[in-house]
Amino acid sequence: TADVGIYRVAVQISLVVVFGLQASRVLMEPTFSKLYSQKKIKDLEQNLKFSSFFSFFVALTAFVPIILFGEKAISYFFGHEFLSAYPPLVILISGRLMTSLIGSSGALLNMSGHEVIYAKIWLAAALLNIALNFILIPVFGLNGAATSTAISIFSANLAAWYITKRLVGCNSFPVGIK
């Protein structure tokens, strides 16, 4: 029971890192839908890349203070007995930071008529998470749970990026990877 409470603290704090991703999805989904229906793929990709850049920037501005002051914040807000939430928190926010760089590929899949594929991606991610939990939690405890979650979420978003690139023709990475 204590571990569940400690892990919950790590998960709740880690959600701050994906605030930019969630905000950009809400703001950009109507634009994605409109541009996709108008077959303006180049403009769609440009908006998708901007969304990814915004998500990553906001995630990074949350990530750095959590890394630097996370232990102090946990101790202050939740109590010294919750300090063991810090290592899983670092794992979770690292996974969420990498995920934010991929951006809103999943939102684009949903807005372009590929929502069944996107749902299947998340079903596979949930199954992966369960399997990894069975393997990692007995050995690594809370850090194993955090690693399972980070890997599963990142894998789902990476799959969404790949499928978006193939089916829609858009790459969400703000720089580099083609």
Protein backbone atom coordinates (compact mmCIF):
# COMPACT_ATOMS: atom_id res chain seq x y z
CA THR A 1 0.00 0.00 0.00
CA ALA A 2 2.82 2.40 0.83
CA ASP A 3 4.52 1.71 -2.50
CA VAL A 4 1.29 2.48 -4.37
CA GLY A 5 1.03 5.85 -2.63
CA ILE A 6 4.66 6.65 -3.35
CA TYR A 7 4.31 5.63 -7.00
CA ARG A 8 1.14 7.73 -7.33
CA VAL A 9 3.10 10.80 -6.24
CA ALA A 10 5.71 10.12 -8.94
CA VAL A 11 3.04 9.62 -11.61
CA GLN A 12 1.10 12.75 -10.66
CA ILE A 13 4.18 14.97 -10.69
CA SER A 14 5.35 13.46 -13.99
CA LEU A 15 2.15 14.62 -15.68
CA VAL A 16 3.45 18.21 -15.48
CA VAL A 17 5.97 17.29 -18.19
CA VAL A 18 3.24 16.38 -20.70
CA PHE A 19 1.16 19.49 -20.12
CA GLY A 20 2.48 21.08 -23.33
CA LEU A 21 1.68 17.97 -25.34
CA GLN A 22 -1.88 17.88 -24.04
CA ALA A 23 -2.35 21.60 -24.60
CA SER A 24 -1.01 21.46 -28.14
CA ARG A 25 -3.25 18.49 -28.94
CA VAL A 26 -6.36 20.36 -27.81
CA LEU A 27 -5.35 23.45 -29.76
CA MET A 28 -4.14 21.69 -32.90
CA GLU A 29 -6.65 18.85 -33.45
CA PRO A 30 -9.18 21.05 -35.32
CA THR A 31 -6.37 22.38 -37.52
CA PHE A 32 -5.11 18.84 -38.19
CA SER A 33 -8.58 17.74 -39.21
CA LYS A 34 -9.14 20.74 -41.47
CA LEU A 35 -5.78 20.51 -43.21
CA TYR A 36 -6.08 16.75 -43.67
CA SER A 37 -9.55 17.05 -45.20
CA GLN A 38 -8.22 19.73 -47.55
CA LYS A 39 -5.27 17.46 -48.49
CA LYS A 40 -2.77 20.16 -47.46
CA ILE A 41 -0.19 17.65 -46.27
CA LYS A 42 2.76 20.05 -46.34
CA ASP A 43 0.90 22.58 -44.16
CA LEU A 44 -0.28 19.73 -41.94
CA GLU A 45 3.27 18.52 -41.41
CA GLN A 46 4.44 22.05 -40.65
CA ASN A 47 1.74 22.41 -37.98
CA LEU A 48 2.57 18.97 -36.60
CA LYS A 49 6.25 19.89 -36.31
CA PHE A 50 5.40 23.16 -34.58
CA SER A 51 3.18 21.26 -32.16
CA SER A 52 6.05 18.87 -31.39
CA PHE A 53 8.49 21.71 -30.86
CA PHE A 54 6.04 23.44 -28.51
CA SER A 55 5.41 20.20 -26.60
CA PHE A 56 9.09 19.51 -26.19
CA PHE A 57 9.88 23.08 -25.12
CA VAL A 58 7.17 23.04 -22.43
CA ALA A 59 8.22 19.55 -21.32
CA LEU A 60 11.84 20.63 -21.02
CA THR A 61 10.91 23.69 -18.96
CA ALA A 62 9.15 21.35 -16.51
CA PHE A 63 11.75 18.58 -16.70
CA VAL A 64 14.77 20.64 -15.63
CA PRO A 65 13.27 22.07 -12.39
CA ILE A 66 11.93 18.64 -11.43
CA ILE A 67 15.40 17.14 -11.90
CA LEU A 68 17.02 19.97 -9.95
CA PHE A 69 14.45 20.47 -7.18
CA GLY A 70 12.26 17.36 -7.28
CA GLU A 71 13.50 15.86 -4.04
CA LYS A 72 13.01 19.12 -2.15
CA ALA A 73 9.54 19.59 -3.64
CA ILE A 74 8.48 16.04 -2.78
CA SER A 75 9.74 16.43 0.77
CA TYR A 76 8.05 19.82 1.19
CA PHE A 77 4.66 18.97 -0.36
CA PHE A 78 4.29 15.30 0.52
CA GLY A 79 6.69 14.69 3.39
CA HIS A 80 10.09 13.12 3.85
CA GLU A 81 8.56 9.61 3.75
CA PHE A 82 7.74 10.13 0.05
CA LEU A 83 11.33 10.84 -1.05
CA SER A 84 11.54 7.34 -2.53
CA ALA A 85 9.19 8.65 -5.24
CA TYR A 86 12.05 10.67 -6.74
CA PRO A 87 13.90 7.87 -8.64
CA PRO A 88 10.72 6.58 -10.36
CA LEU A 89 9.76 10.21 -11.01
CA VAL A 90 13.04 10.76 -12.88
CA ILE A 91 12.38 7.64 -14.98
CA LEU A 92 8.81 8.72 -15.77
CA ILE A 93 9.68 12.30 -16.69
CA SER A 94 12.55 11.11 -18.88
CA GLY A 95 10.13 8.90 -20.81
CA ARG A 96 7.58 11.69 -21.01
CA LEU A 97 10.22 14.16 -22.23
CA MET A 98 11.18 11.81 -25.07
CA THR A 99 7.51 11.26 -25.85
CA SER A 100 6.89 15.00 -26.05
CA LEU A 101 9.49 15.25 -28.82
CA ILE A 102 7.38 12.91 -30.95
CA GLY A 103 4.47 15.28 -30.50
CA SER A 104 0.89 14.88 -31.59
CA SER A 105 1.15 12.05 -34.11
CA GLY A 106 -1.60 10.18 -32.26
CA ALA A 107 -3.92 13.17 -32.45
CA LEU A 108 -3.30 13.34 -36.18
CA LEU A 109 -4.10 9.64 -36.54
CA ASN A 110 -7.39 10.25 -34.74
CA MET A 111 -8.22 13.32 -36.81
CA SER A 112 -7.40 11.62 -40.11
CA GLY A 113 -9.69 8.61 -39.79
CA HIS A 114 -7.14 6.19 -38.35
CA GLU A 115 -8.55 6.07 -34.83
CA VAL A 116 -8.94 2.27 -34.88
CA ILE A 117 -5.25 1.87 -35.63
CA TYR A 118 -4.42 4.33 -32.85
CA ALA A 119 -6.61 2.38 -30.41
CA LYS A 120 -4.79 -0.82 -31.36
CA ILE A 121 -1.46 0.87 -30.70
CA TRP A 122 -2.58 1.73 -27.18
CA LEU A 123 -3.95 -1.76 -26.62
CA ALA A 124 -0.55 -3.17 -27.57
CA ALA A 125 1.13 -0.62 -25.27
CA ALA A 126 -1.11 -1.69 -22.39
CA LEU A 127 -0.22 -5.33 -22.96
CA LEU A 128 3.46 -4.42 -23.17
CA ASN A 129 3.15 -2.51 -19.90
CA ILE A 130 1.54 -5.49 -18.16
CA ALA A 131 4.24 -7.86 -19.43
CA LEU A 132 7.04 -5.50 -18.43
CA ASN A 133 5.47 -4.99 -15.01
CA PHE A 134 5.53 -8.74 -14.40
CA ILE A 135 9.20 -8.82 -15.34
CA LEU A 136 10.54 -5.58 -13.86
CA ILE A 137 8.55 -4.92 -10.67
CA PRO A 138 9.71 -8.05 -8.80
CA VAL A 139 13.33 -7.15 -9.53
CA PHE A 140 13.33 -3.34 -9.43
CA GLY A 141 10.18 -2.40 -7.46
CA LEU A 142 8.94 1.13 -8.06
CA ASN A 143 11.71 1.81 -10.56
CA GLY A 144 10.60 -1.26 -12.51
CA ALA A 145 7.03 0.02 -12.59
CA ALA A 146 8.23 3.43 -13.78
CA THR A 147 10.46 1.87 -16.43
CA SER A 148 7.57 -0.29 -17.67
CA THR A 149 5.32 2.75 -17.94
CA ALA A 150 7.96 4.92 -19.63
CA ILE A 151 8.82 2.23 -22.18
CA SER A 152 5.16 1.47 -22.94
CA ILE A 153 4.12 5.09 -23.39
CA PHE A 154 7.16 5.91 -25.49
CA SER A 155 6.65 2.77 -27.62
CA ALA A 156 3.02 3.69 -28.29
CA ASN A 157 3.95 7.21 -29.32
CA LEU A 158 6.84 5.99 -31.44
CA ALA A 159 4.49 3.57 -33.21
CA ALA A 160 1.99 6.41 -33.75
CA TRP A 161 4.78 8.53 -35.23
CA TYR A 162 5.83 5.74 -37.60
CA ILE A 163 2.28 4.96 -38.72
CA THR A 164 1.45 8.65 -39.14
CA LYS A 165 4.49 9.01 -41.34
CA ARG A 166 3.47 6.02 -43.47
CA LEU A 167 -0.30 6.54 -43.69
CA VAL A 168 -0.64 10.33 -43.59
CA GLY A 169 2.76 11.29 -44.95
CA CYS A 170 3.69 13.57 -42.05
CA ASN A 171 6.73 13.51 -39.80
CA SER A 172 6.18 15.08 -36.39
CA PHE A 173 9.84 15.34 -35.32
CA PRO A 174 10.57 19.08 -35.19
CA VAL A 175 14.13 18.60 -36.48
CA GLY A 176 16.34 16.01 -38.06
CA ILE A 177 14.80 12.58 -38.57
CA LYS A 178 13.13 12.19 -41.96
